[in-house]
Amino acid sequence: MAMIIFAGGIFLGFSLGFATMALVDARRHRLQCEKAQETSGYALPLEVDRALPARPQASGALDHLAIVS
């Protein structure tokens, strides 16, 4: 029982530490990007269109790769 609690504590500590460092790094990267935009004079639009582009039509050359059951 003590080993399970010990291993769980190690896993929980690792998970929380990893998540915290990822958030800190993402924040640092965002601040660096904002600072670079201010100094370069180039600003991105506030709203980004995240719609997916239309799927490209596959060529007929790949039809022979279809799996036949």
N, C-alpha and C. Protein backbone atom coordinates (compact mmCIF):
# COMPACT_ATOMS: atom_id res chain seq x y z
N MET A 1 0.82 -1.19 0.00
CA MET A 1 0.00 0.00 0.00
C MET A 1 0.87 1.26 0.00
N ALA A 2 1.94 1.21 0.78
CA ALA A 2 2.83 2.37 0.86
C ALA A 2 3.52 2.61 -0.49
N MET A 3 3.85 1.53 -1.19
CA MET A 3 4.50 1.67 -2.51
C MET A 3 3.55 2.31 -3.52
N ILE A 4 2.26 1.97 -3.44
CA ILE A 4 1.29 2.56 -4.36
C ILE A 4 1.15 4.05 -4.10
N ILE A 5 1.07 4.43 -2.85
CA ILE A 5 0.98 5.85 -2.49
C ILE A 5 2.25 6.58 -2.91
N PHE A 6 3.41 5.97 -2.69
CA PHE A 6 4.69 6.58 -3.08
C PHE A 6 4.76 6.78 -4.60
N ALA A 7 4.41 5.74 -5.37
CA ALA A 7 4.45 5.83 -6.83
C ALA A 7 3.42 6.84 -7.33
N GLY A 8 2.24 6.85 -6.71
CA GLY A 8 1.22 7.82 -7.10
C GLY A 8 1.66 9.25 -6.83
N GLY A 9 2.35 9.46 -5.72
CA GLY A 9 2.87 10.79 -5.41
C GLY A 9 3.92 11.25 -6.41
N ILE A 10 4.78 10.33 -6.80
CA ILE A 10 5.80 10.67 -7.80
C ILE A 10 5.13 11.01 -9.13
N PHE A 11 4.16 10.20 -9.55
CA PHE A 11 3.47 10.45 -10.81
C PHE A 11 2.72 11.78 -10.76
N LEU A 12 2.02 12.05 -9.67
CA LEU A 12 1.28 13.30 -9.53
C LEU A 12 2.23 14.50 -9.55
N GLY A 13 3.34 14.40 -8.84
CA GLY A 13 4.31 15.49 -8.84
C GLY A 13 4.91 15.74 -10.21
N PHE A 14 5.22 14.66 -10.92
CA PHE A 14 5.77 14.81 -12.26
C PHE A 14 4.75 15.45 -13.19
N SER A 15 3.50 15.00 -13.11
CA SER A 15 2.45 15.53 -13.98
C SER A 15 2.20 17.01 -13.73
N LEU A 16 2.09 17.38 -12.46
CA LEU A 16 1.86 18.79 -12.13
C LEU A 16 3.06 19.65 -12.53
N GLY A 17 4.25 19.16 -12.31
CA GLY A 17 5.44 19.91 -12.69
C GLY A 17 5.54 20.09 -14.20
N PHE A 18 5.25 19.04 -14.94
CA PHE A 18 5.31 19.14 -16.39
C PHE A 18 4.27 20.12 -16.91
N ALA A 19 3.04 20.04 -16.39
CA ALA A 19 1.98 20.95 -16.83
C ALA A 19 2.32 22.40 -16.49
N THR A 20 2.87 22.62 -15.31
CA THR A 20 3.25 23.97 -14.91
C THR A 20 4.34 24.53 -15.81
N MET A 21 5.36 23.74 -16.09
CA MET A 21 6.44 24.22 -16.94
C MET A 21 5.97 24.48 -18.37
N ALA A 22 5.02 23.66 -18.86
CA ALA A 22 4.48 23.88 -20.20
C ALA A 22 3.71 25.20 -20.25
N LEU A 23 2.92 25.48 -19.21
CA LEU A 23 2.18 26.74 -19.17
C LEU A 23 3.11 27.95 -19.07
N VAL A 24 4.14 27.83 -18.26
CA VAL A 24 5.11 28.93 -18.12
C VAL A 24 5.82 29.18 -19.45
N ASP A 25 6.22 28.12 -20.14
CA ASP A 25 6.90 28.28 -21.41
C ASP A 25 5.98 28.87 -22.47
N ALA A 26 4.70 28.45 -22.49
CA ALA A 26 3.75 29.00 -23.45
C ALA A 26 3.53 30.49 -23.21
N ARG A 27 3.45 30.87 -21.93
CA ARG A 27 3.27 32.29 -21.61
C ARG A 27 4.50 33.10 -22.03
N ARG A 28 5.70 32.56 -21.75
CA ARG A 28 6.93 33.25 -22.14
C ARG A 28 7.01 33.42 -23.65
N HIS A 29 6.63 32.36 -24.38
CA HIS A 29 6.67 32.42 -25.84
C HIS A 29 5.67 33.45 -26.37
N ARG A 30 4.49 33.49 -25.77
CA ARG A 30 3.48 34.47 -26.20
C ARG A 30 3.96 35.89 -25.96
N LEU A 31 4.57 36.13 -24.80
CA LEU A 31 5.08 37.47 -24.52
C LEU A 31 6.20 37.86 -25.48
N GLN A 32 7.05 36.90 -25.83
CA GLN A 32 8.12 37.19 -26.79
C GLN A 32 7.55 37.53 -28.15
N CYS A 33 6.52 36.81 -28.57
CA CYS A 33 5.90 37.08 -29.87
C CYS A 33 5.24 38.45 -29.89
N GLU A 34 4.54 38.80 -28.80
CA GLU A 34 3.91 40.11 -28.73
C GLU A 34 4.95 41.22 -28.76
N LYS A 35 6.06 41.01 -28.07
CA LYS A 35 7.12 42.02 -28.05
C LYS A 35 7.75 42.16 -29.43
N ALA A 36 7.92 41.05 -30.14
CA ALA A 36 8.50 41.10 -31.48
C ALA A 36 7.56 41.81 -32.44
N GLN A 37 6.25 41.62 -32.28
CA GLN A 37 5.29 42.31 -33.14
C GLN A 37 5.31 43.81 -32.90
N GLU A 38 5.46 44.21 -31.63
CA GLU A 38 5.51 45.63 -31.31
C GLU A 38 6.74 46.29 -31.91
N THR A 39 7.87 45.60 -31.86
CA THR A 39 9.10 46.21 -32.36
C THR A 39 9.18 46.18 -33.88
N SER A 40 8.54 45.19 -34.51
CA SER A 40 8.62 45.11 -35.96
C SER A 40 7.57 45.96 -36.65
N GLY A 41 6.53 46.34 -35.93
CA GLY A 41 5.47 47.13 -36.53
C GLY A 41 4.47 46.30 -37.29
N TYR A 42 4.65 44.99 -37.30
CA TYR A 42 3.73 44.10 -38.00
C TYR A 42 2.79 43.49 -36.98
N ALA A 43 1.51 43.66 -37.18
CA ALA A 43 0.54 43.12 -36.23
C ALA A 43 -0.36 42.13 -36.95
N LEU A 44 -0.63 41.03 -36.29
CA LEU A 44 -1.55 40.04 -36.82
C LEU A 44 -2.98 40.47 -36.53
N PRO A 45 -3.94 40.04 -37.34
CA PRO A 45 -5.33 40.37 -37.04
C PRO A 45 -5.75 39.74 -35.71
N LEU A 46 -6.65 40.39 -35.01
CA LEU A 46 -7.07 39.89 -33.71
C LEU A 46 -7.86 38.60 -33.82
N GLU A 47 -8.66 38.47 -34.87
CA GLU A 47 -9.44 37.26 -35.06
C GLU A 47 -8.84 36.48 -36.23
N VAL A 48 -8.60 35.23 -36.00
CA VAL A 48 -8.00 34.38 -37.02
C VAL A 48 -9.07 33.45 -37.56
N ASP A 49 -9.15 33.34 -38.87
CA ASP A 49 -10.10 32.42 -39.49
C ASP A 49 -9.53 31.02 -39.38
N ARG A 50 -10.16 30.18 -38.57
CA ARG A 50 -9.66 28.83 -38.34
C ARG A 50 -10.42 27.78 -39.12
N ALA A 51 -11.16 28.20 -40.14
CA ALA A 51 -11.89 27.24 -40.95
C ALA A 51 -10.90 26.39 -41.75
N LEU A 52 -11.22 25.12 -41.83
CA LEU A 52 -10.34 24.21 -42.56
C LEU A 52 -10.53 24.41 -44.05
N PRO A 53 -9.46 24.36 -44.82
CA PRO A 53 -9.61 24.48 -46.27
C PRO A 53 -10.31 23.25 -46.83
N ALA A 54 -10.84 23.40 -48.02
CA ALA A 54 -11.50 22.27 -48.67
C ALA A 54 -10.48 21.17 -48.91
N ARG A 55 -10.92 19.94 -48.75
CA ARG A 55 -10.01 18.81 -48.93
C ARG A 55 -9.65 18.68 -50.41
N PRO A 56 -8.36 18.57 -50.71
CA PRO A 56 -7.96 18.45 -52.12
C PRO A 56 -8.44 17.13 -52.71
N GLN A 57 -8.77 17.18 -53.97
CA GLN A 57 -9.26 15.99 -54.66
C GLN A 57 -8.09 15.04 -54.90
N ALA A 58 -8.26 13.78 -54.56
CA ALA A 58 -7.21 12.79 -54.77
C ALA A 58 -7.14 12.44 -56.25
N SER A 59 -5.94 12.18 -56.71
CA SER A 59 -5.77 11.82 -58.11
C SER A 59 -6.15 10.35 -58.31
N GLY A 60 -6.42 9.96 -59.53
CA GLY A 60 -6.80 8.60 -59.84
C GLY A 60 -5.65 7.62 -59.71
N ALA A 61 -4.42 8.13 -59.60
CA ALA A 61 -3.25 7.25 -59.52
C ALA A 61 -3.22 6.46 -58.21
N LEU A 62 -3.90 6.95 -57.17
CA LEU A 62 -3.85 6.30 -55.88
C LEU A 62 -5.01 5.31 -55.67
N ASP A 63 -5.86 5.12 -56.69
CA ASP A 63 -7.00 4.24 -56.53
C ASP A 63 -6.57 2.79 -56.33
N HIS A 64 -5.43 2.40 -56.84
CA HIS A 64 -4.99 1.01 -56.71
C HIS A 64 -4.54 0.68 -55.29
N LEU A 65 -4.42 1.67 -54.43
CA LEU A 65 -4.00 1.44 -53.05
C LEU A 65 -5.16 1.11 -52.13
N ALA A 66 -6.38 1.13 -52.65
CA ALA A 66 -7.54 0.86 -51.82
C ALA A 66 -7.51 -0.58 -51.32
N ILE A 67 -7.95 -0.78 -50.07
CA ILE A 67 -7.95 -2.11 -49.49
C ILE A 67 -9.23 -2.84 -49.94
N VAL A 68 -9.03 -4.03 -50.44
CA VAL A 68 -10.15 -4.84 -50.91
C VAL A 68 -10.32 -6.00 -49.93
N SER A 69 -11.55 -6.17 -49.42
CA SER A 69 -11.75 -7.26 -48.46
C SER A 69 -12.42 -8.46 -49.10
